[in-house]
N, C-alpha and C. Protein backbone atom coordinates (compact mmCIF):
# COMPACT_ATOMS: atom_id res chain seq x y z
N MET A 1 224.33 -18.50 204.79
CA MET A 1 223.41 -19.53 205.26
C MET A 1 223.28 -20.67 204.26
N ALA A 2 223.30 -20.30 202.98
CA ALA A 2 223.19 -21.31 201.93
C ALA A 2 224.38 -22.26 201.98
N GLU A 3 225.57 -21.71 202.31
CA GLU A 3 226.76 -22.55 202.40
C GLU A 3 226.63 -23.56 203.53
N VAL A 4 226.04 -23.14 204.66
CA VAL A 4 225.86 -24.03 205.79
C VAL A 4 224.95 -25.19 205.41
N HIS A 5 223.85 -24.88 204.70
CA HIS A 5 222.94 -25.93 204.25
C HIS A 5 223.63 -26.86 203.26
N ALA A 6 224.45 -26.30 202.39
CA ALA A 6 225.15 -27.10 201.39
C ALA A 6 226.10 -28.09 202.06
N LEU A 7 226.85 -27.63 203.10
CA LEU A 7 227.75 -28.51 203.83
C LEU A 7 226.99 -29.60 204.54
N ALA A 8 225.86 -29.25 205.10
CA ALA A 8 225.04 -30.25 205.79
C ALA A 8 224.55 -31.31 204.81
N ASP A 9 224.19 -30.88 203.61
CA ASP A 9 223.74 -31.82 202.59
C ASP A 9 224.87 -32.78 202.19
N VAL A 10 226.09 -32.23 202.05
CA VAL A 10 227.25 -33.05 201.69
C VAL A 10 227.52 -34.09 202.77
N ARG A 11 227.46 -33.66 204.05
CA ARG A 11 227.68 -34.60 205.15
C ARG A 11 226.61 -35.68 205.18
N ALA A 12 225.37 -35.29 204.89
CA ALA A 12 224.28 -36.26 204.90
C ALA A 12 224.48 -37.34 203.85
N VAL A 13 225.13 -36.96 202.73
CA VAL A 13 225.41 -37.93 201.68
C VAL A 13 226.63 -38.78 202.05
N ARG A 14 227.65 -38.13 202.65
CA ARG A 14 228.90 -38.84 202.92
C ARG A 14 228.80 -39.84 204.07
N GLU A 15 228.06 -39.50 205.12
CA GLU A 15 228.02 -40.36 206.30
C GLU A 15 227.50 -41.76 205.99
N PRO A 16 226.38 -41.92 205.27
CA PRO A 16 225.95 -43.28 204.93
C PRO A 16 227.00 -44.02 204.09
N GLY A 17 227.69 -43.28 203.22
CA GLY A 17 228.74 -43.89 202.42
C GLY A 17 229.88 -44.41 203.28
N LYS A 18 230.28 -43.65 204.29
CA LYS A 18 231.33 -44.08 205.21
C LYS A 18 230.90 -45.32 205.98
N ARG A 19 229.64 -45.33 206.40
CA ARG A 19 229.15 -46.48 207.15
C ARG A 19 229.12 -47.73 206.28
N MET A 20 228.73 -47.57 205.02
CA MET A 20 228.69 -48.72 204.13
C MET A 20 230.09 -49.24 203.86
N ARG A 21 231.06 -48.34 203.62
CA ARG A 21 232.44 -48.78 203.41
C ARG A 21 232.93 -49.55 204.63
N SER A 22 232.61 -49.05 205.82
CA SER A 22 233.05 -49.70 207.04
C SER A 22 232.42 -51.08 207.19
N ARG A 23 231.14 -51.18 206.86
CA ARG A 23 230.46 -52.47 206.93
C ARG A 23 231.07 -53.47 205.96
N LEU A 24 231.38 -53.02 204.77
CA LEU A 24 232.00 -53.90 203.78
C LEU A 24 233.39 -54.35 204.24
N LEU A 25 234.15 -53.44 204.81
CA LEU A 25 235.48 -53.79 205.31
C LEU A 25 235.38 -54.76 206.48
N ASP A 26 234.42 -54.52 207.38
CA ASP A 26 234.25 -55.41 208.53
C ASP A 26 233.91 -56.82 208.08
N ALA A 27 232.97 -56.92 207.15
CA ALA A 27 232.57 -58.24 206.66
C ALA A 27 233.71 -58.91 205.90
N ALA A 28 234.39 -58.14 205.07
CA ALA A 28 235.46 -58.69 204.24
C ALA A 28 236.61 -59.21 205.08
N VAL A 29 237.03 -58.47 206.08
CA VAL A 29 238.21 -58.87 206.84
C VAL A 29 237.95 -60.18 207.58
N GLU A 30 236.74 -60.36 208.11
CA GLU A 30 236.44 -61.60 208.81
C GLU A 30 236.44 -62.78 207.85
N MET A 31 235.90 -62.58 206.66
CA MET A 31 235.86 -63.67 205.68
C MET A 31 237.25 -63.96 205.12
N PHE A 32 238.03 -62.92 204.89
CA PHE A 32 239.39 -63.12 204.40
C PHE A 32 240.24 -63.84 205.44
N LYS A 33 240.07 -63.50 206.72
CA LYS A 33 240.84 -64.17 207.77
C LYS A 33 240.46 -65.65 207.87
N ALA A 34 239.18 -65.93 207.64
CA ALA A 34 238.69 -67.30 207.78
C ALA A 34 239.03 -68.17 206.57
N LYS A 35 238.96 -67.58 205.35
CA LYS A 35 239.07 -68.39 204.14
C LYS A 35 240.22 -68.01 203.21
N GLY A 36 240.74 -66.80 203.35
CA GLY A 36 241.75 -66.34 202.40
C GLY A 36 241.12 -65.61 201.23
N LEU A 37 241.94 -64.92 200.48
CA LEU A 37 241.46 -64.08 199.38
C LEU A 37 240.76 -64.89 198.30
N SER A 38 241.39 -65.94 197.83
CA SER A 38 240.86 -66.65 196.66
C SER A 38 239.56 -67.40 196.93
N ALA A 39 239.31 -67.78 198.19
CA ALA A 39 238.14 -68.59 198.50
C ALA A 39 236.90 -67.77 198.84
N VAL A 40 237.03 -66.45 198.78
CA VAL A 40 235.90 -65.57 199.12
C VAL A 40 235.46 -64.82 197.87
N SER A 41 234.17 -64.80 197.63
CA SER A 41 233.64 -64.09 196.46
C SER A 41 233.09 -62.73 196.85
N VAL A 42 232.99 -61.86 195.87
CA VAL A 42 232.41 -60.54 196.09
C VAL A 42 230.96 -60.68 196.56
N ALA A 43 230.24 -61.62 195.99
CA ALA A 43 228.83 -61.82 196.37
C ALA A 43 228.71 -62.23 197.83
N GLU A 44 229.63 -63.09 198.30
CA GLU A 44 229.59 -63.52 199.70
C GLU A 44 229.86 -62.36 200.65
N ILE A 45 230.82 -61.52 200.29
CA ILE A 45 231.13 -60.36 201.13
C ILE A 45 229.93 -59.42 201.18
N ALA A 46 229.34 -59.17 200.03
CA ALA A 46 228.18 -58.27 199.97
C ALA A 46 227.05 -58.80 200.82
N THR A 47 226.77 -60.09 200.73
CA THR A 47 225.69 -60.69 201.52
C THR A 47 225.96 -60.55 203.01
N ALA A 48 227.20 -60.82 203.42
CA ALA A 48 227.56 -60.71 204.84
C ALA A 48 227.43 -59.28 205.36
N ALA A 49 227.64 -58.31 204.48
CA ALA A 49 227.57 -56.90 204.88
C ALA A 49 226.17 -56.32 204.70
N GLY A 50 225.23 -57.12 204.16
CA GLY A 50 223.89 -56.61 203.88
C GLY A 50 223.92 -55.58 202.77
N ALA A 51 224.74 -55.86 201.75
CA ALA A 51 224.92 -54.91 200.64
C ALA A 51 224.76 -55.65 199.32
N TYR A 52 224.98 -54.91 198.22
CA TYR A 52 224.94 -55.49 196.89
C TYR A 52 226.36 -55.58 196.35
N PRO A 53 226.64 -56.58 195.50
CA PRO A 53 227.98 -56.68 194.90
C PRO A 53 228.40 -55.40 194.19
N SER A 54 227.44 -54.71 193.59
CA SER A 54 227.78 -53.46 192.89
C SER A 54 228.32 -52.40 193.83
N GLN A 55 227.96 -52.47 195.11
CA GLN A 55 228.47 -51.49 196.07
C GLN A 55 229.94 -51.73 196.37
N ILE A 56 230.38 -52.98 196.32
CA ILE A 56 231.81 -53.25 196.47
C ILE A 56 232.58 -52.66 195.29
N THR A 57 232.02 -52.83 194.10
CA THR A 57 232.64 -52.25 192.91
C THR A 57 232.68 -50.73 193.01
N TYR A 58 231.60 -50.15 193.51
CA TYR A 58 231.51 -48.69 193.62
C TYR A 58 232.56 -48.14 194.60
N TYR A 59 232.67 -48.76 195.77
CA TYR A 59 233.56 -48.22 196.80
C TYR A 59 235.02 -48.68 196.66
N PHE A 60 235.24 -49.88 196.10
CA PHE A 60 236.61 -50.42 196.10
C PHE A 60 237.12 -50.83 194.71
N ARG A 61 236.27 -50.85 193.71
CA ARG A 61 236.59 -51.24 192.34
C ARG A 61 236.72 -52.75 192.18
N THR A 62 237.63 -53.38 192.95
CA THR A 62 237.88 -54.82 192.79
C THR A 62 237.97 -55.49 194.15
N LYS A 63 237.84 -56.81 194.13
CA LYS A 63 237.99 -57.58 195.37
C LYS A 63 239.41 -57.44 195.91
N GLU A 64 240.39 -57.38 195.02
CA GLU A 64 241.78 -57.25 195.45
C GLU A 64 242.03 -55.93 196.17
N ALA A 65 241.42 -54.86 195.65
CA ALA A 65 241.57 -53.56 196.31
C ALA A 65 240.91 -53.56 197.68
N LEU A 66 239.75 -54.21 197.78
CA LEU A 66 239.07 -54.36 199.07
C LEU A 66 239.95 -55.15 200.03
N PHE A 67 240.56 -56.22 199.53
CA PHE A 67 241.42 -57.05 200.37
C PHE A 67 242.59 -56.25 200.93
N VAL A 68 243.26 -55.50 200.08
CA VAL A 68 244.43 -54.73 200.53
C VAL A 68 244.02 -53.68 201.55
N GLU A 69 242.91 -52.99 201.30
CA GLU A 69 242.47 -51.98 202.27
C GLU A 69 242.08 -52.62 203.59
N ALA A 70 241.39 -53.77 203.52
CA ALA A 70 241.01 -54.47 204.75
C ALA A 70 242.25 -54.93 205.52
N ALA A 71 243.24 -55.45 204.81
CA ALA A 71 244.47 -55.93 205.45
C ALA A 71 245.24 -54.78 206.08
N CYS A 72 245.30 -53.65 205.39
CA CYS A 72 246.00 -52.49 205.95
C CYS A 72 245.30 -51.98 207.19
N ARG A 73 243.99 -51.90 207.16
CA ARG A 73 243.25 -51.46 208.33
C ARG A 73 243.45 -52.42 209.50
N GLU A 74 243.47 -53.72 209.19
CA GLU A 74 243.58 -54.72 210.24
C GLU A 74 244.95 -54.71 210.90
N VAL A 75 246.02 -54.52 210.12
CA VAL A 75 247.36 -54.52 210.73
C VAL A 75 247.54 -53.27 211.60
N LEU A 76 246.90 -52.18 211.26
CA LEU A 76 246.94 -51.00 212.13
C LEU A 76 246.21 -51.26 213.44
N TYR A 77 245.13 -52.03 213.36
CA TYR A 77 244.42 -52.42 214.58
C TYR A 77 245.30 -53.32 215.44
N VAL A 78 246.00 -54.26 214.82
CA VAL A 78 246.92 -55.14 215.54
C VAL A 78 248.01 -54.31 216.22
N ALA A 79 248.52 -53.32 215.52
CA ALA A 79 249.56 -52.46 216.08
C ALA A 79 249.04 -51.70 217.30
N ARG A 80 247.81 -51.25 217.23
CA ARG A 80 247.20 -50.53 218.36
C ARG A 80 247.04 -51.47 219.56
N GLN A 81 246.60 -52.70 219.31
CA GLN A 81 246.46 -53.67 220.39
C GLN A 81 247.81 -53.97 221.03
N ALA A 82 248.85 -54.07 220.21
CA ALA A 82 250.19 -54.33 220.73
C ALA A 82 250.68 -53.16 221.57
N GLU A 83 250.40 -51.96 221.11
CA GLU A 83 250.80 -50.77 221.87
C GLU A 83 250.15 -50.76 223.25
N LEU A 84 248.86 -51.09 223.31
CA LEU A 84 248.15 -51.12 224.59
C LEU A 84 248.70 -52.22 225.49
N ALA A 85 249.01 -53.38 224.90
CA ALA A 85 249.53 -54.50 225.68
C ALA A 85 250.90 -54.19 226.27
N ALA A 86 251.71 -53.41 225.55
CA ALA A 86 253.08 -53.14 225.98
C ALA A 86 253.20 -51.89 226.85
N ALA A 87 252.15 -51.12 226.97
CA ALA A 87 252.24 -49.83 227.65
C ALA A 87 252.68 -49.95 229.11
N GLY A 88 252.32 -51.04 229.76
CA GLY A 88 252.67 -51.19 231.17
C GLY A 88 253.95 -51.95 231.42
N ALA A 89 254.75 -52.16 230.39
CA ALA A 89 255.99 -52.94 230.54
C ALA A 89 256.96 -52.26 231.50
N ALA A 90 257.63 -53.08 232.31
CA ALA A 90 258.57 -52.55 233.29
C ALA A 90 259.99 -52.42 232.75
N SER A 91 260.27 -53.08 231.63
CA SER A 91 261.61 -53.03 231.04
C SER A 91 261.50 -53.11 229.53
N GLY A 92 262.60 -52.80 228.86
CA GLY A 92 262.60 -52.89 227.41
C GLY A 92 262.37 -54.31 226.92
N ARG A 93 262.94 -55.30 227.63
CA ARG A 93 262.74 -56.69 227.24
C ARG A 93 261.27 -57.09 227.37
N ASP A 94 260.65 -56.66 228.47
CA ASP A 94 259.24 -56.95 228.69
C ASP A 94 258.38 -56.25 227.63
N TYR A 95 258.77 -55.04 227.27
CA TYR A 95 258.05 -54.29 226.23
C TYR A 95 258.07 -55.08 224.91
N ASN A 96 259.26 -55.53 224.54
CA ASN A 96 259.39 -56.32 223.31
C ASN A 96 258.57 -57.60 223.37
N ARG A 97 258.64 -58.29 224.51
CA ARG A 97 257.92 -59.55 224.65
C ARG A 97 256.42 -59.35 224.46
N ARG A 98 255.87 -58.31 225.06
CA ARG A 98 254.44 -58.05 224.93
C ARG A 98 254.05 -57.70 223.49
N LEU A 99 254.90 -56.91 222.84
CA LEU A 99 254.64 -56.59 221.44
C LEU A 99 254.64 -57.85 220.59
N VAL A 100 255.68 -58.65 220.75
CA VAL A 100 255.83 -59.85 219.92
C VAL A 100 254.66 -60.81 220.14
N GLU A 101 254.28 -61.05 221.37
CA GLU A 101 253.20 -61.99 221.66
C GLU A 101 251.86 -61.52 221.11
N THR A 102 251.69 -60.21 220.99
CA THR A 102 250.44 -59.68 220.43
C THR A 102 250.44 -59.73 218.91
N VAL A 103 251.59 -59.45 218.31
CA VAL A 103 251.66 -59.29 216.85
C VAL A 103 251.88 -60.61 216.12
N ILE A 104 252.88 -61.39 216.56
CA ILE A 104 253.22 -62.61 215.83
C ILE A 104 252.08 -63.64 215.98
N GLY A 105 251.66 -64.17 214.86
CA GLY A 105 250.56 -65.12 214.86
C GLY A 105 249.19 -64.50 214.72
N SER A 106 249.12 -63.18 214.73
CA SER A 106 247.82 -62.53 214.59
C SER A 106 247.34 -62.64 213.14
N PRO A 107 246.06 -62.96 212.93
CA PRO A 107 245.53 -63.05 211.57
C PRO A 107 245.69 -61.74 210.79
N GLY A 108 245.64 -60.62 211.50
CA GLY A 108 245.78 -59.33 210.83
C GLY A 108 247.14 -59.15 210.19
N LEU A 109 248.20 -59.60 210.87
CA LEU A 109 249.54 -59.50 210.30
C LEU A 109 249.70 -60.45 209.12
N ALA A 110 249.12 -61.64 209.23
CA ALA A 110 249.18 -62.59 208.12
C ALA A 110 248.47 -62.03 206.88
N LEU A 111 247.35 -61.36 207.09
CA LEU A 111 246.64 -60.72 205.97
C LEU A 111 247.51 -59.66 205.32
N PHE A 112 248.20 -58.89 206.14
CA PHE A 112 249.03 -57.81 205.61
C PHE A 112 250.19 -58.36 204.79
N VAL A 113 250.77 -59.47 205.24
CA VAL A 113 251.83 -60.12 204.47
C VAL A 113 251.30 -60.55 203.10
N GLU A 114 250.09 -61.10 203.08
CA GLU A 114 249.48 -61.49 201.81
C GLU A 114 249.21 -60.28 200.93
N ALA A 115 248.81 -59.18 201.55
CA ALA A 115 248.56 -57.95 200.80
C ALA A 115 249.85 -57.43 200.16
N LEU A 116 250.97 -57.56 200.87
CA LEU A 116 252.26 -57.13 200.32
C LEU A 116 252.60 -57.94 199.07
N SER A 117 252.34 -59.23 199.13
CA SER A 117 252.59 -60.09 197.98
C SER A 117 251.70 -59.70 196.81
N LEU A 118 250.46 -59.39 197.10
CA LEU A 118 249.51 -59.01 196.06
C LEU A 118 249.92 -57.71 195.36
N THR A 119 250.43 -56.76 196.13
CA THR A 119 250.78 -55.47 195.54
C THR A 119 251.99 -55.55 194.61
N ARG A 120 252.73 -56.63 194.68
CA ARG A 120 253.82 -56.80 193.71
C ARG A 120 253.25 -56.96 192.31
N ARG A 121 252.06 -57.54 192.22
CA ARG A 121 251.41 -57.71 190.92
C ARG A 121 250.44 -56.57 190.61
N ARG A 122 250.03 -55.86 191.65
CA ARG A 122 249.06 -54.77 191.48
C ARG A 122 249.67 -53.49 192.04
N GLN A 123 250.52 -52.86 191.25
CA GLN A 123 251.22 -51.67 191.72
C GLN A 123 250.29 -50.50 191.99
N ASP A 124 249.08 -50.55 191.42
CA ASP A 124 248.12 -49.49 191.69
C ASP A 124 247.68 -49.48 193.16
N LEU A 125 247.87 -50.62 193.85
CA LEU A 125 247.48 -50.72 195.26
C LEU A 125 248.63 -50.39 196.20
N ALA A 126 249.82 -50.19 195.67
CA ALA A 126 251.01 -49.95 196.50
C ALA A 126 250.93 -48.69 197.37
N PRO A 127 250.35 -47.57 196.88
CA PRO A 127 250.32 -46.37 197.73
C PRO A 127 249.64 -46.58 199.08
N LEU A 128 248.57 -47.38 199.12
CA LEU A 128 247.90 -47.64 200.39
C LEU A 128 248.81 -48.41 201.34
N VAL A 129 249.55 -49.37 200.81
CA VAL A 129 250.50 -50.13 201.63
C VAL A 129 251.61 -49.22 202.14
N GLU A 130 252.09 -48.33 201.28
CA GLU A 130 253.14 -47.40 201.69
C GLU A 130 252.66 -46.48 202.82
N ARG A 131 251.43 -45.99 202.70
CA ARG A 131 250.86 -45.14 203.76
C ARG A 131 250.70 -45.93 205.06
N THR A 132 250.36 -47.20 204.94
CA THR A 132 250.21 -48.03 206.13
C THR A 132 251.55 -48.23 206.82
N PHE A 133 252.61 -48.46 206.05
CA PHE A 133 253.94 -48.56 206.64
C PHE A 133 254.32 -47.27 207.36
N GLU A 134 254.01 -46.15 206.74
CA GLU A 134 254.32 -44.86 207.37
C GLU A 134 253.62 -44.72 208.72
N ARG A 135 252.36 -45.15 208.78
CA ARG A 135 251.62 -45.07 210.04
C ARG A 135 252.16 -46.06 211.07
N LEU A 136 252.47 -47.27 210.64
CA LEU A 136 253.04 -48.25 211.57
C LEU A 136 254.33 -47.73 212.19
N HIS A 137 255.19 -47.17 211.36
CA HIS A 137 256.47 -46.66 211.85
C HIS A 137 256.26 -45.44 212.75
N ALA A 138 255.40 -44.53 212.33
CA ALA A 138 255.17 -43.32 213.11
C ALA A 138 254.54 -43.64 214.47
N GLU A 139 253.54 -44.52 214.47
CA GLU A 139 252.88 -44.87 215.73
C GLU A 139 253.81 -45.66 216.64
N GLY A 140 254.62 -46.55 216.05
CA GLY A 140 255.58 -47.30 216.85
C GLY A 140 256.63 -46.40 217.47
N ASP A 141 257.10 -45.43 216.69
CA ASP A 141 258.06 -44.44 217.16
C ASP A 141 257.47 -43.66 218.34
N ARG A 142 256.23 -43.18 218.14
CA ARG A 142 255.58 -42.38 219.20
C ARG A 142 255.38 -43.21 220.47
N ALA A 143 254.81 -44.43 220.31
CA ALA A 143 254.48 -45.24 221.48
C ALA A 143 255.73 -45.63 222.27
N TYR A 144 256.77 -46.10 221.58
CA TYR A 144 257.97 -46.53 222.27
C TYR A 144 258.68 -45.33 222.90
N GLY A 145 258.70 -44.21 222.18
CA GLY A 145 259.33 -43.00 222.72
C GLY A 145 258.65 -42.54 224.00
N GLU A 146 257.32 -42.61 224.03
CA GLU A 146 256.58 -42.18 225.22
C GLU A 146 256.87 -43.09 226.41
N VAL A 147 256.83 -44.41 226.18
CA VAL A 147 257.07 -45.35 227.28
C VAL A 147 258.51 -45.23 227.78
N ARG A 148 259.44 -45.12 226.85
CA ARG A 148 260.85 -45.00 227.24
C ARG A 148 261.08 -43.74 228.07
N HIS A 149 260.44 -42.65 227.68
CA HIS A 149 260.58 -41.39 228.43
C HIS A 149 259.97 -41.53 229.82
N GLN A 150 258.78 -42.15 229.91
CA GLN A 150 258.11 -42.32 231.20
C GLN A 150 258.92 -43.20 232.15
N ARG A 151 259.56 -44.23 231.60
CA ARG A 151 260.31 -45.18 232.45
C ARG A 151 261.75 -44.76 232.68
N GLY A 152 262.21 -43.77 231.93
CA GLY A 152 263.60 -43.32 232.08
C GLY A 152 264.61 -44.27 231.49
N TRP A 153 264.18 -45.03 230.46
CA TRP A 153 265.10 -45.97 229.82
C TRP A 153 266.12 -45.20 228.98
N SER A 154 267.34 -45.76 228.90
CA SER A 154 268.39 -45.10 228.12
C SER A 154 268.10 -45.22 226.63
N GLU A 155 268.62 -44.28 225.87
CA GLU A 155 268.38 -44.25 224.42
C GLU A 155 269.64 -44.66 223.68
N VAL A 156 269.73 -45.95 223.35
CA VAL A 156 270.86 -46.44 222.57
C VAL A 156 270.57 -46.28 221.09
N GLN A 157 269.31 -46.51 220.70
CA GLN A 157 268.87 -46.33 219.32
C GLN A 157 267.67 -45.40 219.30
N PRO A 158 267.53 -44.56 218.28
CA PRO A 158 266.34 -43.71 218.17
C PRO A 158 265.08 -44.58 218.10
N SER A 159 263.99 -44.12 218.72
CA SER A 159 262.76 -44.91 218.74
C SER A 159 262.23 -45.17 217.34
N ALA A 160 262.48 -44.24 216.40
CA ALA A 160 262.04 -44.45 215.02
C ALA A 160 262.75 -45.65 214.40
N THR A 161 264.03 -45.81 214.70
CA THR A 161 264.79 -46.95 214.19
C THR A 161 264.29 -48.25 214.80
N VAL A 162 264.00 -48.22 216.09
CA VAL A 162 263.49 -49.40 216.79
C VAL A 162 262.15 -49.83 216.17
N ALA A 163 261.27 -48.86 215.90
CA ALA A 163 259.96 -49.18 215.34
C ALA A 163 260.08 -49.80 213.96
N ARG A 164 260.92 -49.23 213.12
CA ARG A 164 261.10 -49.78 211.78
C ARG A 164 261.68 -51.20 211.84
N ARG A 165 262.64 -51.39 212.71
CA ARG A 165 263.25 -52.71 212.83
C ARG A 165 262.24 -53.74 213.32
N PHE A 166 261.41 -53.34 214.26
CA PHE A 166 260.41 -54.26 214.80
C PHE A 166 259.50 -54.78 213.68
N TRP A 167 258.96 -53.87 212.87
CA TRP A 167 258.01 -54.29 211.83
C TRP A 167 258.71 -55.06 210.71
N THR A 168 259.95 -54.72 210.43
CA THR A 168 260.69 -55.49 209.43
C THR A 168 260.88 -56.94 209.89
N LEU A 169 261.26 -57.11 211.15
CA LEU A 169 261.43 -58.45 211.71
C LEU A 169 260.10 -59.20 211.79
N ALA A 170 259.05 -58.50 212.20
CA ALA A 170 257.74 -59.14 212.35
C ALA A 170 257.24 -59.68 211.01
N LEU A 171 257.41 -58.90 209.96
CA LEU A 171 256.99 -59.35 208.64
C LEU A 171 257.84 -60.52 208.16
N GLY A 172 259.14 -60.45 208.39
CA GLY A 172 260.02 -61.53 207.97
C GLY A 172 259.73 -62.83 208.70
N VAL A 173 259.54 -62.75 210.00
CA VAL A 173 259.24 -63.94 210.80
C VAL A 173 257.89 -64.54 210.39
N THR A 174 256.91 -63.68 210.14
CA THR A 174 255.59 -64.16 209.72
C THR A 174 255.66 -64.83 208.36
N LEU A 175 256.42 -64.25 207.45
CA LEU A 175 256.58 -64.85 206.13
C LEU A 175 257.26 -66.21 206.23
N ARG A 176 258.28 -66.30 207.07
CA ARG A 176 258.97 -67.58 207.25
C ARG A 176 258.05 -68.60 207.90
N GLU A 177 257.28 -68.16 208.88
CA GLU A 177 256.35 -69.08 209.56
C GLU A 177 255.36 -69.67 208.57
N GLY A 178 254.87 -68.83 207.65
CA GLY A 178 253.89 -69.29 206.68
C GLY A 178 254.48 -70.21 205.62
N ALA A 179 255.78 -70.08 205.38
CA ALA A 179 256.42 -70.86 204.31
C ALA A 179 257.10 -72.12 204.83
N THR A 180 257.17 -72.29 206.15
CA THR A 180 257.81 -73.46 206.73
C THR A 180 256.85 -74.12 207.72
N GLU A 181 257.35 -75.10 208.42
CA GLU A 181 256.53 -75.79 209.42
C GLU A 181 256.78 -75.24 210.82
N ALA A 182 257.31 -74.04 210.90
CA ALA A 182 257.58 -73.43 212.20
C ALA A 182 256.26 -73.22 212.95
N THR A 183 256.29 -73.50 214.26
CA THR A 183 255.10 -73.29 215.08
C THR A 183 255.03 -71.84 215.53
N LEU A 184 253.88 -71.46 216.05
CA LEU A 184 253.72 -70.10 216.55
C LEU A 184 254.69 -69.81 217.69
N SER A 185 254.83 -70.76 218.60
CA SER A 185 255.75 -70.55 219.73
C SER A 185 257.18 -70.40 219.26
N GLU A 186 257.56 -71.14 218.22
CA GLU A 186 258.90 -71.01 217.67
C GLU A 186 259.09 -69.64 217.02
N ALA A 187 258.05 -69.16 216.33
CA ALA A 187 258.13 -67.84 215.68
C ALA A 187 258.25 -66.74 216.72
N VAL A 188 257.49 -66.85 217.79
CA VAL A 188 257.56 -65.85 218.87
C VAL A 188 258.95 -65.87 219.51
N ALA A 189 259.47 -67.07 219.78
CA ALA A 189 260.80 -67.19 220.39
C ALA A 189 261.88 -66.63 219.47
N GLU A 190 261.74 -66.89 218.17
CA GLU A 190 262.73 -66.40 217.21
C GLU A 190 262.76 -64.88 217.18
N MET A 191 261.59 -64.27 217.11
CA MET A 191 261.57 -62.81 217.02
C MET A 191 262.02 -62.17 218.33
N THR A 192 261.62 -62.75 219.45
CA THR A 192 262.07 -62.22 220.74
C THR A 192 263.59 -62.26 220.84
N ALA A 193 264.18 -63.36 220.38
CA ALA A 193 265.63 -63.48 220.41
C ALA A 193 266.29 -62.46 219.49
N LEU A 194 265.72 -62.24 218.32
CA LEU A 194 266.28 -61.27 217.38
C LEU A 194 266.25 -59.86 217.97
N LEU A 195 265.17 -59.54 218.66
CA LEU A 195 265.08 -58.21 219.28
C LEU A 195 266.03 -58.09 220.46
N ASP A 196 266.22 -59.16 221.19
CA ASP A 196 267.08 -59.12 222.38
C ASP A 196 268.56 -59.05 222.05
N THR A 197 268.93 -59.23 220.78
CA THR A 197 270.34 -59.13 220.41
C THR A 197 270.79 -57.68 220.35
N ARG A 198 269.84 -56.76 220.40
CA ARG A 198 270.23 -55.35 220.32
C ARG A 198 270.79 -54.88 221.65
N PRO A 199 271.94 -54.19 221.62
CA PRO A 199 272.44 -53.61 222.86
C PRO A 199 271.51 -52.50 223.31
N ASN A 200 271.05 -52.57 224.54
CA ASN A 200 270.12 -51.54 225.03
C ASN A 200 270.22 -51.50 226.54
N GLY A 201 270.52 -50.38 227.05
CA GLY A 201 270.72 -50.25 228.49
C GLY A 201 269.49 -50.42 229.33
N ASP A 202 268.29 -50.42 228.75
CA ASP A 202 267.09 -50.51 229.55
C ASP A 202 266.66 -51.95 229.75
N ARG A 203 267.49 -52.94 229.32
CA ARG A 203 267.11 -54.35 229.48
C ARG A 203 267.79 -54.89 230.72
């Protein structure tokens, strides 16, 4: 019985902590999307979350660590939205189009690209990015495999390979869009064309 009470006490302590972390991430991601990493202060994030700056230090250590975690969480959300948008696709080409239109140009993907750049200087933050890539690839593999099976599309490439290629192209196109004067419509068209070059019997 004592063990049951002890577990309940641990949960009572952990749950408020989880809620505070979530509030800080929610506030941070909106501010980072609106202003970028350098233009947002720890104090501003804390105020927006109804917290103290010391709580950001407690849960995330640094603003950069908070940024990377927020960006990783956001790109996973973008991936989920893309999966839902593409679930009803009638063909492989339509599936790709829906994915691309949801992902390319999304603030969440742009944040993740910035997080990748940041982790080159902060290798201590790299494990979180690596885990995020693993989830993106695994979820993309699962989602595409399920839809392909339901629709009876032919398997020219393993779904895991398709998922990895999609995210590699998405990141590259987003990086190029940010570094050039390419418009969003041009970026979407470029990525759609790159995906359509793959031989696939379900198109």
